[in-house]
């Protein structure tokens, strides 16, 4: 390591615990297959005063998806042999079922089951195991879009993949992962930590902040192929070294995972086989993050420079941002400050007419805007050409008004300003026949509240927020999964004096129609 690089790394390691404050964390940086940083700080369990070390077990959460795909490719090289088994897991589906490859690329068109669980009334800390997952998955009747045409993040894609691989092999998914992936990569302590309630060594995940204080996070989910990986920093170092050691082998697991992927129309896809493919600092980066209440992780690999970064936090700090800081340090990149352009005139509330979702655009300061439309709020940098965003989600003004472009989803749409539409009285009960669930809207002392209920329980009442026209937002501040699926757009259809119908959706689960029943 050069003196200059060593100095940058020292500054990085000094900064991380302060910039991403919380109970504990760990980071690894590898270059040319060699470890140049292997560092942990703080506590794996603050109450029991267990230090966080490179051997502390950790919930890698959605980082699991690439390992599920690695196993699927190892057992079924073209994945087509799994298609019939995938279709069998969706017995109620009326549309053409997705193929296994669509699941691996998040192009299935299925609505995400963690989002759907909220529509079924699941309380945020309720139990969600194999039976609850089966109920939600098997009840799917329609797709959000034809399989292969778009991208939408969907966790059960990988749960289904893991389940059908296990079914075809006649052996436990955990054993197959150990034998065919972990052992080959030298990941000595990695395992399928399906039960999110405990880790064997006592490592704990925490909610909260330095300002509010930290408390152990409560999770009662059973995860498998979508997010069940338990691993320590040393296990992840072994994975990154395995990637580098097999980089010249065209048939290696990671070369196959990171191969180019397209949509059905031939457009390139930036997600495939459980990996994001992005340009960062002008270089191709394959990566994935992981999250659950109390846990944040991120790993990335830059093949051009043979650099890998792994970050783990047992609290809710931004592991992706920390990984980018680390990558900039090892590559010697100074990240320039953004030009503080003034707020644009097109801030406001809009309707996405294709999905029926709202798009709310707000000033985020410092030459940025905040877009609330997708899975979570996105902060986009303003550009000197009047657009916002670069590379991913983008907003631009054209002859026909404001246009939203999401190339990562193979999606673009002209946004319609939210108008003034009188939809009448909206309080009442609404039922969605497709999923056999209800939405209740009540007026309580002059304020409107809403909640979902269904086969998984009765969700909590949340104050509705007016968006504009006939659209309201039902906030989802807590969910079963690591973060909520985004606010639900409630688009009410006017009747003579009361709303007769409402279309409910978020980016992960959209286009569901509820008819008034009371």
Protein backbone atom coordinates (compact mmCIF):
# COMPACT_ATOMS: atom_id res chain seq x y z
CA UNK A 1 0.00 0.00 0.00
CA UNK A 2 1.42 3.37 -0.99
CA UNK A 3 1.88 6.14 1.55
CA UNK A 4 -0.84 8.23 -0.13
CA UNK A 5 -3.32 5.33 -0.15
CA UNK A 6 -2.48 4.52 3.46
CA UNK A 7 -3.23 8.12 4.47
CA UNK A 8 -6.59 8.06 2.65
CA UNK A 9 -7.52 4.78 4.31
CA UNK A 10 -6.55 6.11 7.75
CA UNK A 11 -8.81 9.14 7.22
CA UNK A 12 -11.64 6.87 6.07
CA UNK A 13 -11.40 4.59 9.11
CA UNK A 14 -11.30 7.57 11.44
CA UNK A 15 -14.36 9.10 9.79
CA UNK A 16 -16.68 6.09 9.44
CA UNK A 17 -17.70 5.59 13.11
CA UNK A 18 -18.47 9.31 13.37
CA UNK A 19 -20.22 9.80 10.05
CA UNK A 20 -22.28 6.61 10.44
CA UNK A 21 -22.72 6.59 14.19
CA UNK A 22 -24.23 3.59 15.91
CA UNK A 23 -23.50 0.59 18.11
CA UNK A 24 -20.99 -1.06 15.76
CA UNK A 25 -19.75 -1.74 12.27
CA UNK A 26 -17.18 -3.44 10.09
CA UNK A 27 -15.52 -2.81 6.74
CA UNK A 28 -13.26 -4.71 4.38
CA UNK A 29 -11.46 -3.42 1.29
CA UNK A 30 -9.64 -5.73 -1.12
CA UNK A 31 -7.42 -4.85 -4.05
CA UNK A 32 -5.91 -7.34 -6.49
CA UNK A 33 -7.26 -10.13 -4.33
CA UNK A 34 -5.44 -8.96 -1.20
CA UNK A 35 -7.01 -7.51 1.93
CA UNK A 36 -5.92 -3.92 2.54
CA UNK A 37 -8.56 -3.16 5.20
CA UNK A 38 -10.12 -5.56 7.70
CA UNK A 39 -11.58 -3.45 10.48
CA UNK A 40 -14.43 -3.54 12.99
CA UNK A 41 -15.46 -1.14 15.73
CA UNK A 42 -18.02 -0.77 18.49
CA UNK A 43 -20.27 -3.51 19.81
CA UNK A 44 -22.07 -6.44 18.27
CA UNK A 45 -24.30 -6.44 21.36
CA UNK A 46 -24.21 -3.23 23.39
CA UNK A 47 -26.24 -4.61 26.31
CA UNK A 48 -23.99 -7.64 26.77
CA UNK A 49 -20.87 -5.61 25.83
CA UNK A 50 -19.85 -8.06 23.09
CA UNK A 51 -17.34 -6.33 20.78
CA UNK A 52 -17.96 -6.18 17.05
CA UNK A 53 -15.11 -8.11 15.38
CA UNK A 54 -14.41 -9.46 11.86
CA UNK A 55 -15.71 -12.80 13.19
CA UNK A 56 -19.06 -11.42 14.46
CA UNK A 57 -21.98 -12.99 12.65
CA UNK A 58 -24.15 -10.58 10.71
CA UNK A 59 -27.44 -10.55 8.80
CA UNK A 60 -26.46 -9.86 5.21
CA UNK A 61 -30.16 -9.71 4.24
CA UNK A 62 -30.67 -9.07 0.49
CA UNK A 63 -27.00 -9.66 -0.30
CA UNK A 64 -28.30 -13.26 -0.10
CA UNK A 65 -29.94 -12.96 -3.52
CA UNK A 66 -26.69 -13.40 -5.48
CA UNK A 67 -25.90 -16.57 -3.50
CA UNK A 68 -29.37 -17.99 -4.24
CA UNK A 69 -28.79 -17.30 -7.94
CA UNK A 70 -25.29 -18.81 -7.75
CA UNK A 71 -26.77 -22.02 -6.37
CA UNK A 72 -29.59 -22.02 -8.94
CA UNK A 73 -27.08 -21.62 -11.81
CA UNK A 74 -24.85 -24.30 -10.33
CA UNK A 75 -27.74 -26.78 -10.22
CA UNK A 76 -29.58 -25.64 -13.37
CA UNK A 77 -27.21 -23.79 -15.75
CA UNK A 78 -29.89 -22.20 -17.95
CA UNK A 79 -32.60 -22.05 -15.22
CA UNK A 80 -35.22 -23.20 -17.74
CA UNK A 81 -35.50 -26.53 -15.95
CA UNK A 82 -37.08 -24.67 -13.02
CA UNK A 83 -39.84 -22.96 -15.01
CA UNK A 84 -42.54 -25.59 -14.39
CA UNK A 85 -41.78 -25.65 -10.67
CA UNK A 86 -42.03 -21.84 -10.54
CA UNK A 87 -45.44 -21.92 -12.24
CA UNK A 88 -46.63 -24.54 -9.75
CA UNK A 89 -45.90 -22.11 -6.89
CA UNK A 90 -48.37 -19.65 -8.45
CA UNK A 91 -51.55 -21.74 -8.75
CA UNK A 92 -53.96 -18.77 -8.74
CA UNK A 93 -52.14 -16.73 -11.40
CA UNK A 94 -54.34 -15.89 -14.37
CA UNK A 95 -51.57 -14.25 -16.42
CA UNK A 96 -48.78 -16.15 -18.18
CA UNK A 97 -46.39 -17.17 -15.36
CA UNK A 98 -42.88 -15.76 -15.18
CA UNK A 99 -39.93 -17.99 -15.96
CA UNK A 100 -37.16 -18.70 -13.46
CA UNK A 101 -34.83 -16.27 -15.26
CA UNK A 102 -37.41 -13.50 -14.82
CA UNK A 103 -37.33 -14.14 -11.09
CA UNK A 104 -33.53 -13.99 -11.00
CA UNK A 105 -33.59 -10.62 -12.80
CA UNK A 106 -36.49 -9.07 -10.83
CA UNK A 107 -38.51 -8.99 -14.05
CA UNK A 108 -41.28 -11.35 -12.91
CA UNK A 109 -44.08 -8.77 -12.69
CA UNK A 110 -45.12 -10.23 -9.33
CA UNK A 111 -46.11 -7.82 -6.57
CA UNK A 112 -43.63 -7.91 -3.70
CA UNK A 113 -44.89 -10.10 -0.86
CA UNK A 114 -43.61 -7.83 1.91
CA UNK A 115 -45.66 -5.00 0.42
CA UNK A 116 -48.64 -7.31 -0.09
CA UNK A 117 -48.40 -8.43 3.54
CA UNK A 118 -49.21 -4.85 4.59
CA UNK A 119 -52.34 -4.90 2.40
CA UNK A 120 -53.29 -8.12 4.18
CA UNK A 121 -53.12 -6.25 7.50
CA UNK A 122 -49.85 -7.66 8.88
CA UNK A 123 -48.67 -5.67 11.93
CA UNK A 124 -45.06 -4.51 11.64
CA UNK A 125 -43.71 -6.89 14.30
CA UNK A 126 -45.97 -9.86 13.57
CA UNK A 127 -44.75 -13.38 12.86
CA UNK A 128 -44.24 -14.10 9.15
CA UNK A 129 -43.07 -17.59 8.42
CA UNK A 130 -43.36 -20.25 5.75
CA UNK A 131 -47.15 -20.55 5.97
CA UNK A 132 -47.77 -16.80 5.76
CA UNK A 133 -45.38 -16.56 2.83
CA UNK A 134 -47.14 -19.44 1.06
CA UNK A 135 -50.53 -17.78 1.53
CA UNK A 136 -49.45 -14.48 0.05
CA UNK A 137 -47.43 -15.96 -2.84
CA UNK A 138 -49.96 -18.61 -3.88
CA UNK A 139 -52.82 -16.07 -3.86
CA UNK A 140 -51.30 -13.92 -6.64
CA UNK A 141 -53.83 -13.62 -9.49
CA UNK A 142 -52.36 -10.98 -11.78
CA UNK A 143 -48.99 -9.47 -12.65
CA UNK A 144 -48.09 -5.77 -12.51
CA UNK A 145 -46.62 -6.08 -16.02
CA UNK A 146 -45.87 -8.92 -18.46
CA UNK A 147 -42.84 -10.89 -17.28
CA UNK A 148 -39.59 -9.73 -18.83
CA UNK A 149 -40.80 -6.29 -19.92
CA UNK A 150 -39.86 -4.23 -16.84
CA UNK A 151 -37.99 -4.33 -13.56
CA UNK A 152 -39.56 -4.17 -10.13
CA UNK A 153 -37.78 -5.28 -6.97
CA UNK A 154 -39.59 -8.32 -5.62
CA UNK A 155 -38.27 -10.34 -2.70
CA UNK A 156 -40.33 -13.49 -3.22
CA UNK A 157 -38.71 -13.96 -6.62
CA UNK A 158 -35.69 -15.28 -4.74
CA UNK A 159 -37.66 -17.11 -2.08
CA UNK A 160 -39.40 -19.02 -4.86
CA UNK A 161 -36.07 -19.70 -6.58
CA UNK A 162 -34.58 -21.11 -3.39
CA UNK A 163 -37.68 -23.20 -2.74
CA UNK A 164 -37.78 -24.77 -6.19
CA UNK A 165 -34.03 -25.51 -6.18
CA UNK A 166 -34.53 -27.29 -2.85
CA UNK A 167 -37.56 -29.14 -4.19
CA UNK A 168 -35.78 -30.36 -7.33
CA UNK A 169 -32.66 -31.45 -5.42
CA UNK A 170 -34.59 -33.16 -2.65
CA UNK A 171 -32.18 -31.65 -0.15
CA UNK A 172 -32.38 -28.67 2.23
CA UNK A 173 -31.56 -25.30 0.68
CA UNK A 174 -29.19 -24.57 3.59
CA UNK A 175 -27.18 -27.73 2.93
CA UNK A 176 -26.94 -27.02 -0.79
CA UNK A 177 -25.69 -23.48 -0.12
CA UNK A 178 -23.04 -24.83 2.23
CA UNK A 179 -21.80 -27.53 -0.11
CA UNK A 180 -22.04 -25.84 -3.50
CA UNK A 181 -21.28 -22.19 -2.68
CA UNK A 182 -19.95 -21.45 0.81
CA UNK A 183 -17.42 -24.29 0.98
CA UNK A 184 -16.12 -23.57 -2.52
CA UNK A 185 -15.61 -19.90 -1.61
CA UNK A 186 -14.02 -20.62 1.78
CA UNK A 187 -16.86 -18.97 3.72
CA UNK A 188 -16.28 -20.98 6.87
CA UNK A 189 -19.02 -19.66 9.17
CA UNK A 190 -21.62 -18.52 6.61
CA UNK A 191 -25.00 -20.20 7.03
CA UNK A 192 -28.71 -19.81 6.30
CA UNK A 193 -29.89 -17.66 9.21
CA UNK A 194 -33.54 -18.00 8.28
CA UNK A 195 -34.95 -17.02 11.68
CA UNK A 196 -34.47 -13.27 12.15
CA UNK A 197 -35.05 -13.38 15.91
CA UNK A 198 -31.53 -14.38 17.00
CA UNK A 199 -27.95 -14.96 15.89
CA UNK A 200 -25.95 -17.72 17.60
CA UNK A 201 -23.15 -15.43 18.83
CA UNK A 202 -25.47 -12.77 20.23
CA UNK A 203 -24.93 -10.07 17.58
CA UNK A 204 -27.85 -7.67 17.75
CA UNK A 205 -29.36 -5.18 15.32
CA UNK A 206 -30.50 -1.77 16.56
CA UNK A 207 -33.10 0.84 15.66
CA UNK A 208 -32.82 4.50 16.57
CA UNK A 209 -30.13 7.15 16.30
CA UNK A 210 -27.57 8.99 18.35
CA UNK A 211 -30.17 11.69 19.00
CA UNK A 212 -33.01 9.37 20.06
CA UNK A 213 -30.96 6.50 21.46
CA UNK A 214 -30.69 2.92 20.22
CA UNK A 215 -32.86 -0.08 21.06
CA UNK A 216 -32.73 -3.70 19.88
CA UNK A 217 -34.84 -4.14 16.75
CA UNK A 218 -37.71 -6.62 16.80
CA UNK A 219 -37.92 -9.00 13.80
CA UNK A 220 -40.05 -12.13 13.54
CA UNK A 221 -39.61 -13.02 9.86
CA UNK A 222 -38.44 -16.34 8.43
CA UNK A 223 -36.25 -15.60 5.41
CA UNK A 224 -34.72 -18.05 2.96
CA UNK A 225 -33.46 -17.43 -0.58
CA UNK A 226 -34.42 -13.77 -0.54
CA UNK A 227 -32.47 -12.57 2.51
CA UNK A 228 -31.43 -15.40 4.84
CA UNK A 229 -27.62 -15.25 4.66
CA UNK A 230 -25.76 -15.02 7.95
CA UNK A 231 -22.05 -14.30 7.57
CA UNK A 232 -19.17 -12.52 9.26
CA UNK A 233 -16.81 -10.01 7.69
CA UNK A 234 -14.20 -12.73 7.18
CA UNK A 235 -16.75 -14.84 5.30
CA UNK A 236 -17.45 -11.93 2.96
CA UNK A 237 -13.71 -11.36 2.51
CA UNK A 238 -13.47 -14.99 1.41
CA UNK A 239 -16.26 -14.39 -1.12
CA UNK A 240 -14.47 -11.35 -2.58
CA UNK A 241 -11.16 -13.27 -2.78
CA UNK A 242 -12.96 -16.14 -4.51
CA UNK A 243 -14.36 -13.67 -7.05
CA UNK A 244 -10.89 -12.33 -7.80
CA UNK A 245 -9.24 -15.75 -7.91
CA UNK A 246 -11.76 -17.02 -10.50
CA UNK A 247 -11.98 -13.80 -12.54
CA UNK A 248 -10.41 -15.35 -15.68
CA UNK A 249 -12.74 -18.37 -15.70
CA UNK A 250 -15.71 -17.62 -17.95
CA UNK A 251 -17.68 -20.37 -16.21
CA UNK A 252 -16.97 -19.18 -12.67
CA UNK A 253 -19.97 -18.45 -10.48
CA UNK A 254 -19.43 -14.71 -10.30
CA UNK A 255 -18.66 -14.30 -14.01
CA UNK A 256 -21.98 -15.96 -14.75
CA UNK A 257 -23.81 -13.89 -12.12
CA UNK A 258 -22.45 -10.64 -13.53
CA UNK A 259 -23.01 -11.46 -17.22
CA UNK A 260 -25.06 -8.92 -19.24
CA UNK A 261 -28.84 -9.15 -18.90
CA UNK A 262 -31.58 -7.66 -21.10
CA UNK A 263 -35.32 -7.13 -21.10
CA UNK A 264 -37.54 -8.90 -23.64
CA UNK A 265 -37.26 -5.92 -26.01
CA UNK A 266 -33.47 -6.17 -25.98
CA UNK A 267 -32.90 -3.13 -23.77
CA UNK A 268 -30.02 -3.65 -21.32
CA UNK A 269 -31.04 -4.36 -17.73
CA UNK A 270 -28.97 -3.08 -14.84
CA UNK A 271 -30.11 -5.87 -12.50
CA UNK A 272 -29.70 -9.58 -12.97
CA UNK A 273 -28.96 -12.76 -10.99
CA UNK A 274 -29.21 -10.88 -7.70
CA UNK A 275 -26.73 -8.16 -8.65
CA UNK A 276 -26.98 -4.49 -9.59
CA UNK A 277 -24.85 -3.39 -12.54
CA UNK A 278 -24.10 0.34 -12.40
CA UNK A 279 -21.56 2.89 -13.52
CA UNK A 280 -19.89 4.46 -10.48
CA UNK A 281 -16.99 6.90 -10.81
CA UNK A 282 -16.95 5.99 -14.51
CA UNK A 283 -16.44 2.29 -13.81
CA UNK A 284 -18.70 -0.74 -14.01
CA UNK A 285 -19.64 -1.86 -10.51
CA UNK A 286 -21.58 -4.97 -9.52
CA UNK A 287 -23.15 -4.65 -6.12
CA UNK A 288 -26.02 -5.29 -3.73
CA UNK A 289 -27.18 -3.99 -0.39
CA UNK A 290 -29.00 -5.68 2.43
CA UNK A 291 -31.34 -4.34 5.09
CA UNK A 292 -33.68 -5.33 7.87
CA UNK A 293 -34.75 -3.37 10.90
CA UNK A 294 -31.48 -2.95 12.81
CA UNK A 295 -29.19 -4.13 9.98
CA UNK A 296 -27.58 -2.49 6.96
CA UNK A 297 -24.94 -3.98 4.64
CA UNK A 298 -23.48 -3.34 1.22
CA UNK A 299 -20.91 -5.05 -0.98
CA UNK A 300 -19.53 -3.94 -4.33
CA UNK A 301 -16.94 -5.14 -6.83
CA UNK A 302 -15.08 -3.16 -9.52
CA UNK A 303 -13.60 -5.68 -11.98
CA UNK A 304 -11.61 -3.04 -13.87
CA UNK A 305 -9.60 -2.19 -10.75
CA UNK A 306 -9.96 -5.56 -8.99
CA UNK A 307 -11.38 -3.73 -5.97
CA UNK A 308 -14.04 -4.98 -3.56
CA UNK A 309 -15.68 -3.26 -0.59
CA UNK A 310 -17.89 -4.76 2.13
CA UNK A 311 -19.62 -2.64 4.78
CA UNK A 312 -21.72 -3.86 7.72
CA UNK A 313 -23.67 -1.78 10.25
CA UNK A 314 -25.79 -3.26 13.04
CA UNK A 315 -27.87 -0.09 12.97
CA UNK A 316 -29.75 1.93 10.36
CA UNK A 317 -26.96 4.02 8.82
CA UNK A 318 -26.41 4.18 5.07
CA UNK A 319 -24.05 1.30 4.24
CA UNK A 320 -24.20 2.11 0.53
CA UNK A 321 -22.93 5.65 1.12
CA UNK A 322 -20.15 4.30 3.34
CA UNK A 323 -19.15 1.79 0.64
CA UNK A 324 -18.93 4.60 -1.94
CA UNK A 325 -16.76 6.63 0.45
CA UNK A 326 -14.47 3.62 0.78
CA UNK A 327 -14.34 3.07 -2.98
CA UNK A 328 -13.48 6.74 -3.56
CA UNK A 329 -10.69 6.47 -0.97
CA UNK A 330 -9.07 3.40 -2.50
CA UNK A 331 -9.34 4.77 -6.05
CA UNK A 332 -8.08 8.20 -5.02
CA UNK A 333 -11.19 10.00 -6.26
CA UNK A 334 -12.20 13.40 -4.89
CA UNK A 335 -15.97 13.67 -5.06
CA UNK A 336 -16.78 17.20 -6.27
CA UNK A 337 -19.44 19.29 -4.61
CA UNK A 338 -22.66 19.65 -6.60
CA UNK A 339 -23.62 23.01 -8.06
CA UNK A 340 -26.49 24.47 -5.97
CA UNK A 341 -28.97 25.22 -8.78
CA UNK A 342 -32.17 27.00 -7.67
CA UNK A 343 -35.34 24.98 -7.14
CA UNK A 344 -37.16 24.33 -10.44
CA UNK A 345 -40.64 25.60 -11.23
CA UNK A 346 -42.03 22.11 -11.76
CA UNK A 347 -42.12 21.10 -8.10
CA UNK A 348 -45.48 19.72 -7.02
CA UNK A 349 -47.77 16.70 -7.13
CA UNK A 350 -48.38 14.62 -10.25
CA UNK A 351 -50.14 11.46 -11.38
CA UNK A 352 -48.27 8.67 -13.17
CA UNK A 353 -51.11 7.65 -15.53
CA UNK A 354 -49.54 4.30 -16.41
CA UNK A 355 -49.23 2.91 -12.87
CA UNK A 356 -51.85 5.06 -11.15
CA UNK A 357 -49.26 6.18 -8.60
CA UNK A 358 -48.58 9.69 -7.40
CA UNK A 359 -45.25 11.43 -7.98
CA UNK A 360 -44.50 14.14 -5.43
CA UNK A 361 -41.52 16.39 -6.13
CA UNK A 362 -40.15 18.66 -3.41
CA UNK A 363 -37.17 20.97 -2.96
CA UNK A 364 -34.42 19.08 -1.09
CA UNK A 365 -32.02 22.06 -0.90
CA UNK A 366 -28.44 22.33 -2.17
CA UNK A 367 -29.45 21.93 -5.80
CA UNK A 368 -31.50 18.80 -5.30
CA UNK A 369 -35.10 17.65 -5.46
CA UNK A 370 -36.81 14.82 -3.59
CA UNK A 371 -39.01 12.48 -5.63
CA UNK A 372 -41.57 10.29 -3.87
CA UNK A 373 -42.76 7.80 -6.44
CA UNK A 374 -40.82 4.53 -6.22
CA UNK A 375 -39.93 2.19 -3.39
CA UNK A 376 -38.46 4.98 -1.31
CA UNK A 377 -37.88 8.72 -1.64
CA UNK A 378 -35.11 9.51 -4.12
CA UNK A 379 -32.95 12.63 -3.90
CA UNK A 380 -31.95 13.75 -7.41
CA UNK A 381 -29.28 16.30 -8.29
CA UNK A 382 -30.35 19.20 -10.51
CA UNK A 383 -28.32 19.58 -13.71
CA UNK A 384 -27.41 22.66 -15.72
CA UNK A 385 -29.70 21.53 -18.57
CA UNK A 386 -32.76 21.79 -16.30
CA UNK A 387 -33.11 18.05 -15.69
CA UNK A 388 -32.81 16.22 -12.38
CA UNK A 389 -30.98 12.93 -11.90
CA UNK A 390 -28.26 11.20 -13.86
CA UNK A 391 -27.80 7.57 -14.83
CA UNK A 392 -30.83 6.28 -12.94
CA UNK A 393 -34.15 7.99 -12.28
CA UNK A 394 -34.42 11.22 -14.25
CA UNK A 395 -36.91 14.10 -14.52
CA UNK A 396 -36.98 16.30 -17.60
CA UNK A 397 -39.31 18.92 -19.07
CA UNK A 398 -40.37 18.41 -22.67
CA UNK A 399 -42.95 19.80 -25.08
CA UNK A 400 -45.68 17.77 -23.39
CA UNK A 401 -44.74 18.59 -19.82
CA UNK A 402 -42.71 16.81 -17.16
CA UNK A 403 -41.40 13.35 -18.01
CA UNK A 404 -40.24 10.69 -15.56
CA UNK A 405 -37.65 8.25 -16.86
CA UNK A 406 -36.56 5.13 -14.96
CA UNK A 407 -34.17 3.30 -17.34
CA UNK A 408 -33.31 0.87 -14.54
CA UNK A 409 -36.94 -0.27 -14.71
CA UNK A 410 -37.23 -0.03 -18.53
CA UNK A 411 -39.91 2.56 -17.88
CA UNK A 412 -40.73 6.14 -18.88
CA UNK A 413 -43.94 8.14 -18.57
CA UNK A 414 -45.31 11.65 -18.96
CA UNK A 415 -46.54 12.94 -15.61
CA UNK A 416 -49.92 14.66 -15.27
CA UNK A 417 -50.27 17.50 -12.74
CA UNK A 418 -52.61 16.57 -9.91
CA UNK A 419 -55.78 18.55 -10.58
CA UNK A 420 -58.76 19.52 -8.53
CA UNK A 421 -61.17 16.61 -8.76
CA UNK A 422 -64.20 16.36 -6.51
CA UNK A 423 -64.50 12.69 -5.57
CA UNK A 424 -67.10 13.10 -2.82
CA UNK A 425 -67.06 11.50 0.60
CA UNK A 426 -64.20 9.00 0.82
CA UNK A 427 -64.73 7.61 4.34
CA UNK A 428 -65.99 4.04 4.25
CA UNK A 429 -65.00 0.41 3.73
CA UNK A 430 -63.56 -0.83 0.45
CA UNK A 431 -62.85 -4.42 -0.57
CA UNK A 432 -60.34 -5.80 -3.10
CA UNK A 433 -61.80 -9.01 -4.54
CA UNK A 434 -58.48 -9.97 -6.13
CA UNK A 435 -56.66 -10.34 -2.80
CA UNK A 436 -59.68 -10.68 -0.47
CA UNK A 437 -58.63 -7.74 1.69
CA UNK A 438 -60.12 -4.45 2.85
CA UNK A 439 -59.24 -0.77 3.22
CA UNK A 440 -61.05 1.22 5.89
CA UNK A 441 -61.11 5.02 5.78
CA UNK A 442 -62.61 6.87 8.76
CA UNK A 443 -63.17 10.49 9.70
CA UNK A 444 -62.06 11.07 13.29
CA UNK A 445 -62.64 14.55 14.65
CA UNK A 446 -62.14 16.23 11.31
CA UNK A 447 -59.11 14.21 10.22
CA UNK A 448 -59.07 11.23 7.84
CA UNK A 449 -57.34 7.96 8.74
CA UNK A 450 -56.92 4.71 6.86
CA UNK A 451 -55.83 1.12 7.48
CA UNK A 452 -55.67 -2.23 5.71
CA UNK A 453 -56.97 -5.58 6.95
CA UNK A 454 -56.97 -9.11 5.60
CA UNK A 455 -55.80 -12.64 6.16
CA UNK A 456 -52.76 -11.53 8.21
CA UNK A 457 -54.53 -9.20 10.63
CA UNK A 458 -55.55 -5.57 11.04
CA UNK A 459 -53.03 -2.85 10.29
CA UNK A 460 -52.71 0.31 12.35
CA UNK A 461 -54.60 3.47 11.48
CA UNK A 462 -52.49 6.15 9.78
CA UNK A 463 -53.44 9.77 9.07
CA UNK A 464 -54.09 10.24 5.34
CA UNK A 465 -52.17 12.98 3.53
CA UNK A 466 -53.84 14.88 0.65
CA UNK A 467 -51.77 14.74 -2.54
CA UNK A 468 -54.02 16.57 -4.95
CA UNK A 469 -57.16 15.94 -6.90
CA UNK A 470 -58.61 12.54 -6.04
CA UNK A 471 -55.29 11.22 -4.68
CA UNK A 472 -54.38 10.69 -1.04
CA UNK A 473 -51.34 9.05 0.53
CA UNK A 474 -51.65 6.41 3.22
CA UNK A 475 -48.25 6.51 4.95
CA UNK A 476 -46.47 3.23 5.71
CA UNK A 477 -43.79 4.23 8.26
CA UNK A 478 -43.20 0.65 9.43
CA UNK A 479 -43.48 -2.68 7.68
CA UNK A 480 -42.50 -6.35 8.06
CA UNK A 481 -39.43 -5.90 5.87
CA UNK A 482 -36.45 -3.60 6.46
CA UNK A 483 -38.17 -0.44 5.25
CA UNK A 484 -41.74 0.30 4.25
CA UNK A 485 -42.69 -0.22 0.62
CA UNK A 486 -43.35 3.50 0.21
CA UNK A 487 -46.51 5.49 0.83
CA UNK A 488 -49.62 3.94 -0.68
CA UNK A 489 -51.36 6.05 -3.30
CA UNK A 490 -55.13 5.97 -2.86
CA UNK A 491 -56.79 7.17 -6.07
CA UNK A 492 -60.54 7.52 -5.45
CA UNK A 493 -63.08 7.25 -8.25
CA UNK A 494 -65.88 9.80 -7.93
CA UNK A 495 -69.48 8.67 -7.50
CA UNK A 496 -72.66 10.75 -7.23
CA UNK A 497 -71.86 11.96 -3.72
CA UNK A 498 -69.37 9.44 -2.36
CA UNK A 499 -66.32 7.74 -3.78
CA UNK A 500 -67.36 4.41 -5.29
CA UNK A 501 -63.96 2.83 -5.82
CA UNK A 502 -60.31 3.35 -4.96
CA UNK A 503 -57.19 2.09 -6.74
CA UNK A 504 -54.40 1.31 -4.27
CA UNK A 505 -50.73 0.91 -5.01
CA UNK A 506 -47.07 1.58 -4.37
CA UNK A 507 -44.17 0.89 -6.70
CA UNK A 508 -43.70 -2.66 -5.33
CA UNK A 509 -47.41 -3.55 -5.44
CA UNK A 510 -49.62 -1.45 -7.67
CA UNK A 511 -52.88 -1.40 -9.58
CA UNK A 512 -55.19 -3.09 -7.05
CA UNK A 513 -58.86 -2.04 -7.21
CA UNK A 514 -61.04 -1.79 -4.10
CA UNK A 515 -64.82 -1.34 -4.40
CA UNK A 516 -66.88 0.38 -1.73
CA UNK A 517 -68.83 -2.07 0.44
CA UNK A 518 -70.00 0.29 3.18
